[in-house]
Amino acid sequence: MKMFLKRIKELREAHGLTSQQTADALGIRLEAYHACENTPGSLSGEILVGLARLYHTSVDYILELTDAPEPYGEHPDREGA
């Protein structure tokens, strides 16, 4: 399993949300959300951005391109933060 799929689940659990609540917040069916957590290649850009907004993080954090969970512009090491 891709590591970022694990991060998606960890973010959901850390925010105290069920899969159904997350699917509802994203405006997708539960089955589609389950695919996002379990099936590589099932995560669309639109859903990825929705998850980043829902969890107040960056797409890069979800994809494990960074370990800084703050959205861009809010990271303490970035100018203007």
C-alpha atoms as a PDB file:
ATOM      1  CA  MET A   1       0.000   0.000   0.000  1.00  0.00           C
ATOM      2  CA  LYS A   2       1.231   3.483  -0.814  1.00  0.00           C
ATOM      3  CA  MET A   3       2.312   5.243   2.340  1.00  0.00           C
ATOM      4  CA  PHE A   4       0.207   8.317   1.644  1.00  0.00           C
ATOM      5  CA  LEU A   5      -2.925   6.161   1.771  1.00  0.00           C
ATOM      6  CA  LYS A   6      -2.018   5.441   5.380  1.00  0.00           C
ATOM      7  CA  ARG A   7      -1.589   9.171   5.994  1.00  0.00           C
ATOM      8  CA  ILE A   8      -5.101   9.863   4.661  1.00  0.00           C
ATOM      9  CA  LYS A   9      -6.548   7.414   7.154  1.00  0.00           C
ATOM     10  CA  GLU A  10      -4.397   8.771   9.980  1.00  0.00           C
ATOM     11  CA  LEU A  11      -5.576  12.324   9.261  1.00  0.00           C
ATOM     12  CA  ARG A  12      -9.216  11.230   9.286  1.00  0.00           C
ATOM     13  CA  GLU A  13      -8.790   9.421  12.588  1.00  0.00           C
ATOM     14  CA  ALA A  14      -6.824  12.304  14.125  1.00  0.00           C
ATOM     15  CA  HIS A  15      -9.744  14.602  13.304  1.00  0.00           C
ATOM     16  CA  GLY A  16     -12.199  12.179  14.901  1.00  0.00           C
ATOM     17  CA  LEU A  17     -14.135  11.590  11.691  1.00  0.00           C
ATOM     18  CA  THR A  18     -15.699   8.416  10.388  1.00  0.00           C
ATOM     19  CA  SER A  19     -15.326   7.384   6.769  1.00  0.00           C
ATOM     20  CA  GLN A  20     -18.972   8.340   6.213  1.00  0.00           C
ATOM     21  CA  GLN A  21     -18.498  11.802   7.708  1.00  0.00           C
ATOM     22  CA  THR A  22     -15.452  12.379   5.525  1.00  0.00           C
ATOM     23  CA  ALA A  23     -17.256  11.165   2.413  1.00  0.00           C
ATOM     24  CA  ASP A  24     -20.164  13.501   3.227  1.00  0.00           C
ATOM     25  CA  ALA A  25     -17.812  16.458   3.722  1.00  0.00           C
ATOM     26  CA  LEU A  26     -16.220  15.737   0.345  1.00  0.00           C
ATOM     27  CA  GLY A  27     -19.561  15.197  -1.361  1.00  0.00           C
ATOM     28  CA  ILE A  28     -18.768  11.658  -2.480  1.00  0.00           C
ATOM     29  CA  ARG A  29     -20.188   8.206  -1.812  1.00  0.00           C
ATOM     30  CA  LEU A  30     -18.757   6.123   1.022  1.00  0.00           C
ATOM     31  CA  GLU A  31     -17.470   3.509  -1.434  1.00  0.00           C
ATOM     32  CA  ALA A  32     -15.540   6.198  -3.315  1.00  0.00           C
ATOM     33  CA  TYR A  33     -14.008   7.426  -0.070  1.00  0.00           C
ATOM     34  CA  HIS A  34     -12.989   3.901   0.947  1.00  0.00           C
ATOM     35  CA  ALA A  35     -11.155   3.644  -2.381  1.00  0.00           C
ATOM     36  CA  CYS A  36      -9.276   6.850  -1.514  1.00  0.00           C
ATOM     37  CA  GLU A  37      -7.921   5.225   1.657  1.00  0.00           C
ATOM     38  CA  ASN A  38      -7.240   1.792   0.173  1.00  0.00           C
ATOM     39  CA  THR A  39      -6.647   1.859  -3.585  1.00  0.00           C
ATOM     40  CA  PRO A  40      -3.610   3.502  -5.181  1.00  0.00           C
ATOM     41  CA  GLY A  41      -4.608   5.581  -8.185  1.00  0.00           C
ATOM     42  CA  SER A  42      -8.163   6.232  -6.993  1.00  0.00           C
ATOM     43  CA  LEU A  43      -7.439   9.649  -5.507  1.00  0.00           C
ATOM     44  CA  SER A  44      -8.396  12.464  -7.887  1.00  0.00           C
ATOM     45  CA  GLY A  45      -6.889  15.914  -7.679  1.00  0.00           C
ATOM     46  CA  GLU A  46     -10.266  17.324  -6.663  1.00  0.00           C
ATOM     47  CA  ILE A  47     -10.558  14.892  -3.733  1.00  0.00           C
ATOM     48  CA  LEU A  48      -6.948  15.494  -2.746  1.00  0.00           C
ATOM     49  CA  VAL A  49      -7.523  19.244  -2.543  1.00  0.00           C
ATOM     50  CA  GLY A  50     -10.763  18.618  -0.645  1.00  0.00           C
ATOM     51  CA  LEU A  51      -8.929  16.496   1.910  1.00  0.00           C
ATOM     52  CA  ALA A  52      -6.231  19.147   2.335  1.00  0.00           C
ATOM     53  CA  ARG A  53      -8.886  21.784   2.987  1.00  0.00           C
ATOM     54  CA  LEU A  54     -10.882  19.545   5.308  1.00  0.00           C
ATOM     55  CA  TYR A  55      -7.822  18.717   7.404  1.00  0.00           C
ATOM     56  CA  HIS A  56      -6.230  22.199   7.156  1.00  0.00           C
ATOM     57  CA  THR A  57      -3.025  20.824   5.687  1.00  0.00           C
ATOM     58  CA  SER A  58      -1.246  20.783   2.336  1.00  0.00           C
ATOM     59  CA  VAL A  59      -1.551  18.363  -0.545  1.00  0.00           C
ATOM     60  CA  ASP A  60       2.204  17.824  -0.207  1.00  0.00           C
ATOM     61  CA  TYR A  61       1.711  16.661   3.384  1.00  0.00           C
ATOM     62  CA  ILE A  62      -0.996  14.200   2.358  1.00  0.00           C
ATOM     63  CA  LEU A  63       1.251  12.839  -0.423  1.00  0.00           C
ATOM     64  CA  GLU A  64       4.183  12.648   2.028  1.00  0.00           C
ATOM     65  CA  LEU A  65       6.281  15.107   0.050  1.00  0.00           C
ATOM     66  CA  THR A  66       6.794  17.001   3.311  1.00  0.00           C
ATOM     67  CA  ASP A  67       6.486  16.202   6.984  1.00  0.00           C
ATOM     68  CA  ALA A  68       5.221  19.707   7.814  1.00  0.00           C
ATOM     69  CA  PRO A  69       1.438  19.446   8.274  1.00  0.00           C
ATOM     70  CA  GLU A  70       0.819  23.213   8.112  1.00  0.00           C
ATOM     71  CA  PRO A  71      -0.727  24.526   4.900  1.00  0.00           C
ATOM     72  CA  TYR A  72       1.543  26.732   2.810  1.00  0.00           C
ATOM     73  CA  GLY A  73       1.710  30.244   4.144  1.00  0.00           C
ATOM     74  CA  GLU A  74       1.325  29.015   7.720  1.00  0.00           C
ATOM     75  CA  HIS A  75       4.632  27.181   8.135  1.00  0.00           C
ATOM     76  CA  PRO A  76       6.795  28.984  10.716  1.00  0.00           C
ATOM     77  CA  ASP A  77       9.906  28.750   8.490  1.00  0.00           C
ATOM     78  CA  ARG A  78       8.201  30.414   5.491  1.00  0.00           C
ATOM     79  CA  GLU A  79       8.191  34.163   4.942  1.00  0.00           C
ATOM     80  CA  GLY A  80       4.818  35.761   5.525  1.00  0.00           C
ATOM     81  CA  ALA A  81       3.735  33.104   8.013  1.00  0.00           C
END
